[in-house]
């Protein structure tokens, strides 16, 4: 290569170097701005992903709170946790009329009791035929006596709560076996000392609840599927 060609090659190389240096300086000055304006790829499921559901974990946590460690744990067989109506401010009788008279025949098949948070619960299970519902009269009495004979019934407790279920029938009409128990003495209840189940007599089934200390407010309500009458005695 001649001298002229060699000089030309050197000049081209020098110009290229100058141009390269200028481009590099421009990128060093404006680089951060270009980086900030460029979209940032986000992996699916991350916090910045607009299609992800950030509340999914919160809903699970809320569900755990509803079940909660503070939920009352029944301590015996009456495990129903339905709250029922509010407790009254007094101890007056509670009554309800039966339905389906002459077409519905129900018998008490079991009596269960358990301690709950703030009250003790007694559940009377009923079964039989027809679509009617039982009624009741629940009240404090001075003495427990049997229907018909009037004989005194011994009940442990400082107050006696009489439970009379109406619209009930003898087993030959209901088609189910009646509860055969007599005395139920729960070990871990606070308000209830004893339950004494008696029997059916002329359309009524009677039981007595011995209440500790004194007359306490109570509530009565019906649960269905299966049919149950619930008596709660407040602590």
C-alpha atoms as a PDB file:
ATOM      1  CA  UNK A   1       0.000   0.000   0.000  1.00  0.00           C
ATOM      2  CA  UNK A   2       1.313   3.531  -0.861  1.00  0.00           C
ATOM      3  CA  UNK A   3       1.872   6.354   1.567  1.00  0.00           C
ATOM      4  CA  UNK A   4      -1.305   8.101   0.437  1.00  0.00           C
ATOM      5  CA  UNK A   5      -3.371   5.029   1.004  1.00  0.00           C
ATOM      6  CA  UNK A   6      -1.773   4.464   4.363  1.00  0.00           C
ATOM      7  CA  UNK A   7      -2.552   8.030   5.474  1.00  0.00           C
ATOM      8  CA  UNK A   8      -6.138   7.617   4.323  1.00  0.00           C
ATOM      9  CA  UNK A   9      -6.551   4.431   6.363  1.00  0.00           C
ATOM     10  CA  UNK A  10      -5.155   6.140   9.450  1.00  0.00           C
ATOM     11  CA  UNK A  11      -7.570   9.044   9.079  1.00  0.00           C
ATOM     12  CA  UNK A  12     -10.554   6.727   8.710  1.00  0.00           C
ATOM     13  CA  UNK A  13      -9.510   4.806  11.802  1.00  0.00           C
ATOM     14  CA  UNK A  14      -9.084   8.024  13.783  1.00  0.00           C
ATOM     15  CA  UNK A  15     -12.544   9.275  12.749  1.00  0.00           C
ATOM     16  CA  UNK A  16     -14.097   5.994  13.718  1.00  0.00           C
ATOM     17  CA  UNK A  17     -12.470   6.170  17.136  1.00  0.00           C
ATOM     18  CA  UNK A  18     -13.756   9.692  17.693  1.00  0.00           C
ATOM     19  CA  UNK A  19     -17.251   8.721  16.689  1.00  0.00           C
ATOM     20  CA  UNK A  20     -17.189   5.700  19.006  1.00  0.00           C
ATOM     21  CA  UNK A  21     -16.024   7.806  21.951  1.00  0.00           C
ATOM     22  CA  UNK A  22     -18.812  10.328  21.342  1.00  0.00           C
ATOM     23  CA  UNK A  23     -21.494   7.636  21.300  1.00  0.00           C
ATOM     24  CA  UNK A  24     -20.151   6.102  24.485  1.00  0.00           C
ATOM     25  CA  UNK A  25     -20.281   9.428  26.303  1.00  0.00           C
ATOM     26  CA  UNK A  26     -23.854  10.037  25.203  1.00  0.00           C
ATOM     27  CA  UNK A  27     -24.964   6.692  26.526  1.00  0.00           C
ATOM     28  CA  UNK A  28     -23.235   7.290  29.851  1.00  0.00           C
ATOM     29  CA  UNK A  29     -25.121  10.586  30.249  1.00  0.00           C
ATOM     30  CA  UNK A  30     -28.584   9.484  29.244  1.00  0.00           C
ATOM     31  CA  UNK A  31     -28.492   5.826  30.233  1.00  0.00           C
ATOM     32  CA  UNK A  32     -30.481   5.982  33.529  1.00  0.00           C
ATOM     33  CA  UNK A  33     -33.324   7.905  31.865  1.00  0.00           C
ATOM     34  CA  UNK A  34     -33.641   5.304  29.135  1.00  0.00           C
ATOM     35  CA  UNK A  35     -33.575   2.506  31.701  1.00  0.00           C
ATOM     36  CA  UNK A  36     -36.393   4.056  33.783  1.00  0.00           C
ATOM     37  CA  UNK A  37     -38.665   4.533  30.774  1.00  0.00           C
ATOM     38  CA  UNK A  38     -38.314   0.962  29.599  1.00  0.00           C
ATOM     39  CA  UNK A  39     -41.006  -1.565  30.716  1.00  0.00           C
ATOM     40  CA  UNK A  40     -39.856  -3.985  33.410  1.00  0.00           C
ATOM     41  CA  UNK A  41     -40.824  -7.632  32.818  1.00  0.00           C
ATOM     42  CA  UNK A  42     -42.651  -9.184  35.773  1.00  0.00           C
ATOM     43  CA  UNK A  43     -42.915 -12.884  36.370  1.00  0.00           C
ATOM     44  CA  UNK A  44     -46.495 -14.245  36.764  1.00  0.00           C
ATOM     45  CA  UNK A  45     -47.720 -14.455  40.345  1.00  0.00           C
ATOM     46  CA  UNK A  46     -45.413 -11.705  41.679  1.00  0.00           C
ATOM     47  CA  UNK A  47     -46.777  -8.719  43.604  1.00  0.00           C
ATOM     48  CA  UNK A  48     -46.481  -6.433  40.597  1.00  0.00           C
ATOM     49  CA  UNK A  49     -48.440  -8.809  38.326  1.00  0.00           C
ATOM     50  CA  UNK A  50     -51.818  -7.092  37.742  1.00  0.00           C
ATOM     51  CA  UNK A  51     -53.456 -10.433  36.994  1.00  0.00           C
ATOM     52  CA  UNK A  52     -52.473 -12.001  40.301  1.00  0.00           C
ATOM     53  CA  UNK A  53     -54.834 -11.993  43.291  1.00  0.00           C
ATOM     54  CA  UNK A  54     -53.108 -10.396  46.292  1.00  0.00           C
ATOM     55  CA  UNK A  55     -56.133 -11.011  48.472  1.00  0.00           C
ATOM     56  CA  UNK A  56     -56.070 -14.792  48.125  1.00  0.00           C
ATOM     57  CA  UNK A  57     -53.811 -15.248  51.141  1.00  0.00           C
ATOM     58  CA  UNK A  58     -55.864 -12.753  53.148  1.00  0.00           C
ATOM     59  CA  UNK A  59     -59.107 -14.626  52.508  1.00  0.00           C
ATOM     60  CA  UNK A  60     -57.558 -17.849  53.764  1.00  0.00           C
ATOM     61  CA  UNK A  61     -56.340 -16.047  56.875  1.00  0.00           C
ATOM     62  CA  UNK A  62     -59.780 -14.535  57.437  1.00  0.00           C
ATOM     63  CA  UNK A  63     -61.357 -17.955  57.130  1.00  0.00           C
ATOM     64  CA  UNK A  64     -59.055 -19.288  59.808  1.00  0.00           C
ATOM     65  CA  UNK A  65     -60.022 -16.382  62.059  1.00  0.00           C
ATOM     66  CA  UNK A  66     -63.715 -17.189  61.654  1.00  0.00           C
ATOM     67  CA  UNK A  67     -63.196 -20.782  62.698  1.00  0.00           C
ATOM     68  CA  UNK A  68     -60.852 -19.344  65.312  1.00  0.00           C
ATOM     69  CA  UNK A  69     -59.211 -20.718  68.409  1.00  0.00           C
ATOM     70  CA  UNK A  70     -61.797 -18.765  70.424  1.00  0.00           C
ATOM     71  CA  UNK A  71     -64.777 -20.650  68.997  1.00  0.00           C
ATOM     72  CA  UNK A  72     -66.641 -22.429  71.798  1.00  0.00           C
ATOM     73  CA  UNK A  73     -65.823 -26.146  71.970  1.00  0.00           C
ATOM     74  CA  UNK A  74     -68.696 -28.241  73.317  1.00  0.00           C
ATOM     75  CA  UNK A  75     -67.494 -30.671  75.925  1.00  0.00           C
ATOM     76  CA  UNK A  76     -70.064 -33.440  75.575  1.00  0.00           C
ATOM     77  CA  UNK A  77     -72.635 -34.833  73.170  1.00  0.00           C
ATOM     78  CA  UNK A  78     -74.835 -31.775  72.518  1.00  0.00           C
ATOM     79  CA  UNK A  79     -72.446 -30.404  69.914  1.00  0.00           C
ATOM     80  CA  UNK A  80     -74.894 -28.134  68.088  1.00  0.00           C
ATOM     81  CA  UNK A  81     -73.473 -24.605  67.965  1.00  0.00           C
ATOM     82  CA  UNK A  82     -76.472 -22.672  66.587  1.00  0.00           C
ATOM     83  CA  UNK A  83     -76.772 -19.524  68.721  1.00  0.00           C
ATOM     84  CA  UNK A  84     -80.561 -19.386  68.865  1.00  0.00           C
ATOM     85  CA  UNK A  85     -82.430 -16.270  70.056  1.00  0.00           C
ATOM     86  CA  UNK A  86     -80.967 -13.861  72.578  1.00  0.00           C
ATOM     87  CA  UNK A  87     -81.233 -14.802  76.223  1.00  0.00           C
ATOM     88  CA  UNK A  88     -84.118 -12.994  77.942  1.00  0.00           C
ATOM     89  CA  UNK A  89     -83.450 -10.650  80.825  1.00  0.00           C
ATOM     90  CA  UNK A  90     -85.696 -12.663  83.152  1.00  0.00           C
ATOM     91  CA  UNK A  91     -86.707 -16.236  83.953  1.00  0.00           C
ATOM     92  CA  UNK A  92     -90.313 -16.192  82.704  1.00  0.00           C
ATOM     93  CA  UNK A  93     -91.855 -19.277  81.024  1.00  0.00           C
ATOM     94  CA  UNK A  94     -91.152 -19.937  77.351  1.00  0.00           C
ATOM     95  CA  UNK A  95     -93.943 -21.486  75.249  1.00  0.00           C
ATOM     96  CA  UNK A  96     -94.614 -22.560  71.661  1.00  0.00           C
ATOM     97  CA  UNK A  97     -97.587 -24.335  70.089  1.00  0.00           C
ATOM     98  CA  UNK A  98     -97.200 -27.606  68.144  1.00  0.00           C
ATOM     99  CA  UNK A  99     -98.317 -28.006  64.540  1.00  0.00           C
ATOM    100  CA  UNK A 100     -99.713 -30.924  62.569  1.00  0.00           C
ATOM    101  CA  UNK A 101    -101.945 -32.172  65.373  1.00  0.00           C
ATOM    102  CA  UNK A 102    -103.530 -35.496  64.472  1.00  0.00           C
ATOM    103  CA  UNK A 103    -101.131 -35.945  61.550  1.00  0.00           C
ATOM    104  CA  UNK A 104     -97.714 -35.735  63.230  1.00  0.00           C
ATOM    105  CA  UNK A 105     -96.509 -38.255  65.805  1.00  0.00           C
ATOM    106  CA  UNK A 106     -93.126 -37.603  67.407  1.00  0.00           C
ATOM    107  CA  UNK A 107     -91.267 -39.270  70.257  1.00  0.00           C
ATOM    108  CA  UNK A 108     -88.121 -38.223  72.119  1.00  0.00           C
ATOM    109  CA  UNK A 109     -85.365 -40.605  71.040  1.00  0.00           C
ATOM    110  CA  UNK A 110     -82.402 -39.118  72.910  1.00  0.00           C
ATOM    111  CA  UNK A 111     -81.451 -36.423  75.419  1.00  0.00           C
ATOM    112  CA  UNK A 112     -77.982 -34.860  75.194  1.00  0.00           C
ATOM    113  CA  UNK A 113     -76.156 -32.205  77.203  1.00  0.00           C
ATOM    114  CA  UNK A 114     -72.956 -30.192  76.839  1.00  0.00           C
ATOM    115  CA  UNK A 115     -71.221 -27.127  78.233  1.00  0.00           C
ATOM    116  CA  UNK A 116     -70.744 -24.246  75.793  1.00  0.00           C
ATOM    117  CA  UNK A 117     -69.231 -20.789  76.067  1.00  0.00           C
ATOM    118  CA  UNK A 118     -71.590 -18.883  78.373  1.00  0.00           C
ATOM    119  CA  UNK A 119     -74.321 -21.512  78.721  1.00  0.00           C
ATOM    120  CA  UNK A 120     -75.144 -25.203  79.117  1.00  0.00           C
ATOM    121  CA  UNK A 121     -77.183 -26.843  76.369  1.00  0.00           C
ATOM    122  CA  UNK A 122     -79.733 -29.665  76.532  1.00  0.00           C
ATOM    123  CA  UNK A 123     -80.956 -31.165  73.256  1.00  0.00           C
ATOM    124  CA  UNK A 124     -84.078 -33.302  72.931  1.00  0.00           C
ATOM    125  CA  UNK A 125     -83.938 -35.385  69.737  1.00  0.00           C
ATOM    126  CA  UNK A 126     -87.316 -36.254  68.217  1.00  0.00           C
ATOM    127  CA  UNK A 127     -88.342 -38.588  65.426  1.00  0.00           C
ATOM    128  CA  UNK A 128     -91.525 -40.105  64.067  1.00  0.00           C
ATOM    129  CA  UNK A 129     -94.046 -39.484  61.308  1.00  0.00           C
ATOM    130  CA  UNK A 130     -95.694 -36.421  59.772  1.00  0.00           C
ATOM    131  CA  UNK A 131     -94.491 -32.946  58.845  1.00  0.00           C
ATOM    132  CA  UNK A 132     -95.640 -31.098  61.963  1.00  0.00           C
ATOM    133  CA  UNK A 133     -93.483 -29.619  64.694  1.00  0.00           C
ATOM    134  CA  UNK A 134     -93.469 -30.071  68.467  1.00  0.00           C
ATOM    135  CA  UNK A 135     -94.387 -27.351  70.906  1.00  0.00           C
ATOM    136  CA  UNK A 136     -93.235 -26.740  74.460  1.00  0.00           C
ATOM    137  CA  UNK A 137     -93.733 -25.080  77.784  1.00  0.00           C
ATOM    138  CA  UNK A 138     -90.539 -24.566  79.775  1.00  0.00           C
ATOM    139  CA  UNK A 139     -90.737 -22.906  83.182  1.00  0.00           C
ATOM    140  CA  UNK A 140     -89.317 -22.915  86.683  1.00  0.00           C
ATOM    141  CA  UNK A 141     -91.386 -24.819  89.240  1.00  0.00           C
ATOM    142  CA  UNK A 142     -91.206 -25.111  93.002  1.00  0.00           C
ATOM    143  CA  UNK A 143     -91.344 -28.910  92.931  1.00  0.00           C
ATOM    144  CA  UNK A 144     -90.952 -31.623  90.306  1.00  0.00           C
ATOM    145  CA  UNK A 145     -93.982 -33.915  90.040  1.00  0.00           C
ATOM    146  CA  UNK A 146     -95.078 -36.559  87.570  1.00  0.00           C
ATOM    147  CA  UNK A 147     -98.020 -35.931  85.272  1.00  0.00           C
ATOM    148  CA  UNK A 148    -101.070 -37.999  86.140  1.00  0.00           C
ATOM    149  CA  UNK A 149     -99.979 -39.372  89.517  1.00  0.00           C
ATOM    150  CA  UNK A 150     -98.610 -36.145  90.964  1.00  0.00           C
ATOM    151  CA  UNK A 151     -95.814 -38.086  92.649  1.00  0.00           C
ATOM    152  CA  UNK A 152     -92.761 -36.057  93.629  1.00  0.00           C
ATOM    153  CA  UNK A 153     -89.627 -36.510  91.526  1.00  0.00           C
ATOM    154  CA  UNK A 154     -86.204 -36.012  93.075  1.00  0.00           C
ATOM    155  CA  UNK A 155     -84.064 -33.583  91.078  1.00  0.00           C
ATOM    156  CA  UNK A 156     -80.600 -32.420  92.147  1.00  0.00           C
ATOM    157  CA  UNK A 157     -80.271 -28.641  91.907  1.00  0.00           C
ATOM    158  CA  UNK A 158     -81.160 -25.395  93.633  1.00  0.00           C
ATOM    159  CA  UNK A 159     -83.828 -24.541  91.040  1.00  0.00           C
ATOM    160  CA  UNK A 160     -85.970 -26.841  88.877  1.00  0.00           C
ATOM    161  CA  UNK A 161     -86.698 -26.130  85.214  1.00  0.00           C
ATOM    162  CA  UNK A 162     -89.637 -28.159  83.914  1.00  0.00           C
ATOM    163  CA  UNK A 163     -89.618 -29.035  80.206  1.00  0.00           C
ATOM    164  CA  UNK A 164     -92.936 -30.155  78.767  1.00  0.00           C
ATOM    165  CA  UNK A 165     -92.877 -31.025  75.056  1.00  0.00           C
ATOM    166  CA  UNK A 166     -96.293 -31.017  73.389  1.00  0.00           C
ATOM    167  CA  UNK A 167     -97.401 -32.732  70.202  1.00  0.00           C
ATOM    168  CA  UNK A 168     -95.543 -35.924  71.126  1.00  0.00           C
ATOM    169  CA  UNK A 169     -96.823 -39.486  70.847  1.00  0.00           C
ATOM    170  CA  UNK A 170     -96.308 -42.971  72.221  1.00  0.00           C
ATOM    171  CA  UNK A 171     -93.877 -45.200  70.289  1.00  0.00           C
ATOM    172  CA  UNK A 172     -96.684 -47.316  68.822  1.00  0.00           C
ATOM    173  CA  UNK A 173     -97.937 -44.194  67.023  1.00  0.00           C
ATOM    174  CA  UNK A 174     -94.610 -42.561  66.182  1.00  0.00           C
ATOM    175  CA  UNK A 175     -92.984 -45.793  65.026  1.00  0.00           C
ATOM    176  CA  UNK A 176     -89.703 -45.045  66.858  1.00  0.00           C
ATOM    177  CA  UNK A 177     -88.310 -46.166  70.191  1.00  0.00           C
ATOM    178  CA  UNK A 178     -88.612 -43.625  73.012  1.00  0.00           C
ATOM    179  CA  UNK A 179     -85.569 -42.545  74.992  1.00  0.00           C
ATOM    180  CA  UNK A 180     -85.181 -45.018  77.835  1.00  0.00           C
ATOM    181  CA  UNK A 181     -82.836 -43.026  80.055  1.00  0.00           C
ATOM    182  CA  UNK A 182     -83.766 -41.625  83.409  1.00  0.00           C
ATOM    183  CA  UNK A 183     -81.137 -39.489  85.114  1.00  0.00           C
ATOM    184  CA  UNK A 184     -78.339 -37.678  83.295  1.00  0.00           C
ATOM    185  CA  UNK A 185     -75.613 -36.241  85.517  1.00  0.00           C
ATOM    186  CA  UNK A 186     -73.149 -34.230  83.407  1.00  0.00           C
ATOM    187  CA  UNK A 187     -69.666 -33.856  84.841  1.00  0.00           C
ATOM    188  CA  UNK A 188     -68.496 -30.597  83.247  1.00  0.00           C
ATOM    189  CA  UNK A 189     -71.515 -28.284  83.069  1.00  0.00           C
ATOM    190  CA  UNK A 190     -71.691 -25.081  85.079  1.00  0.00           C
ATOM    191  CA  UNK A 191     -75.410 -24.257  85.249  1.00  0.00           C
ATOM    192  CA  UNK A 192     -76.970 -27.715  85.051  1.00  0.00           C
ATOM    193  CA  UNK A 193     -76.602 -30.256  87.854  1.00  0.00           C
ATOM    194  CA  UNK A 194     -78.884 -32.971  86.546  1.00  0.00           C
ATOM    195  CA  UNK A 195     -81.489 -33.842  83.918  1.00  0.00           C
ATOM    196  CA  UNK A 196     -84.316 -36.202  84.857  1.00  0.00           C
ATOM    197  CA  UNK A 197     -86.290 -37.571  81.902  1.00  0.00           C
ATOM    198  CA  UNK A 198     -89.716 -38.923  82.789  1.00  0.00           C
ATOM    199  CA  UNK A 199     -92.053 -40.177  80.039  1.00  0.00           C
ATOM    200  CA  UNK A 200     -94.891 -39.469  77.639  1.00  0.00           C
ATOM    201  CA  UNK A 201     -98.324 -38.849  79.095  1.00  0.00           C
ATOM    202  CA  UNK A 202    -101.423 -37.799  77.127  1.00  0.00           C
ATOM    203  CA  UNK A 203     -99.623 -35.907  74.377  1.00  0.00           C
ATOM    204  CA  UNK A 204     -96.851 -34.444  76.550  1.00  0.00           C
ATOM    205  CA  UNK A 205     -93.301 -35.557  77.264  1.00  0.00           C
ATOM    206  CA  UNK A 206     -91.754 -34.224  80.466  1.00  0.00           C
ATOM    207  CA  UNK A 207     -88.224 -33.742  81.759  1.00  0.00           C
ATOM    208  CA  UNK A 208     -86.755 -31.763  84.628  1.00  0.00           C
ATOM    209  CA  UNK A 209     -83.497 -29.818  84.609  1.00  0.00           C
ATOM    210  CA  UNK A 210     -81.818 -29.213  87.949  1.00  0.00           C
ATOM    211  CA  UNK A 211     -80.178 -25.772  87.863  1.00  0.00           C
ATOM    212  CA  UNK A 212     -77.279 -24.862  90.111  1.00  0.00           C
ATOM    213  CA  UNK A 213     -77.327 -21.959  92.579  1.00  0.00           C
ATOM    214  CA  UNK A 214     -80.588 -20.219  91.546  1.00  0.00           C
ATOM    215  CA  UNK A 215     -82.992 -19.614  88.683  1.00  0.00           C
ATOM    216  CA  UNK A 216     -81.017 -18.557  85.618  1.00  0.00           C
ATOM    217  CA  UNK A 217     -82.192 -17.085  82.299  1.00  0.00           C
ATOM    218  CA  UNK A 218     -82.853 -19.708  79.640  1.00  0.00           C
ATOM    219  CA  UNK A 219     -83.927 -19.887  76.005  1.00  0.00           C
ATOM    220  CA  UNK A 220     -85.764 -22.523  73.977  1.00  0.00           C
ATOM    221  CA  UNK A 221     -85.812 -22.971  70.203  1.00  0.00           C
ATOM    222  CA  UNK A 222     -86.381 -25.549  67.495  1.00  0.00           C
ATOM    223  CA  UNK A 223     -83.861 -27.069  65.093  1.00  0.00           C
ATOM    224  CA  UNK A 224     -84.933 -29.167  62.122  1.00  0.00           C
ATOM    225  CA  UNK A 225     -83.429 -31.838  59.858  1.00  0.00           C
ATOM    226  CA  UNK A 226     -83.328 -33.656  62.207  1.00  0.00           C
ATOM    227  CA  UNK A 227     -85.989 -32.394  64.602  1.00  0.00           C
ATOM    228  CA  UNK A 228     -84.620 -31.127  67.922  1.00  0.00           C
ATOM    229  CA  UNK A 229     -85.799 -28.931  70.783  1.00  0.00           C
ATOM    230  CA  UNK A 230     -82.925 -27.031  72.391  1.00  0.00           C
ATOM    231  CA  UNK A 231     -82.899 -25.636  75.937  1.00  0.00           C
ATOM    232  CA  UNK A 232     -79.968 -23.393  76.884  1.00  0.00           C
ATOM    233  CA  UNK A 233     -79.382 -22.346  80.487  1.00  0.00           C
ATOM    234  CA  UNK A 234     -77.146 -19.347  80.920  1.00  0.00           C
ATOM    235  CA  UNK A 235     -74.020 -19.529  83.112  1.00  0.00           C
END
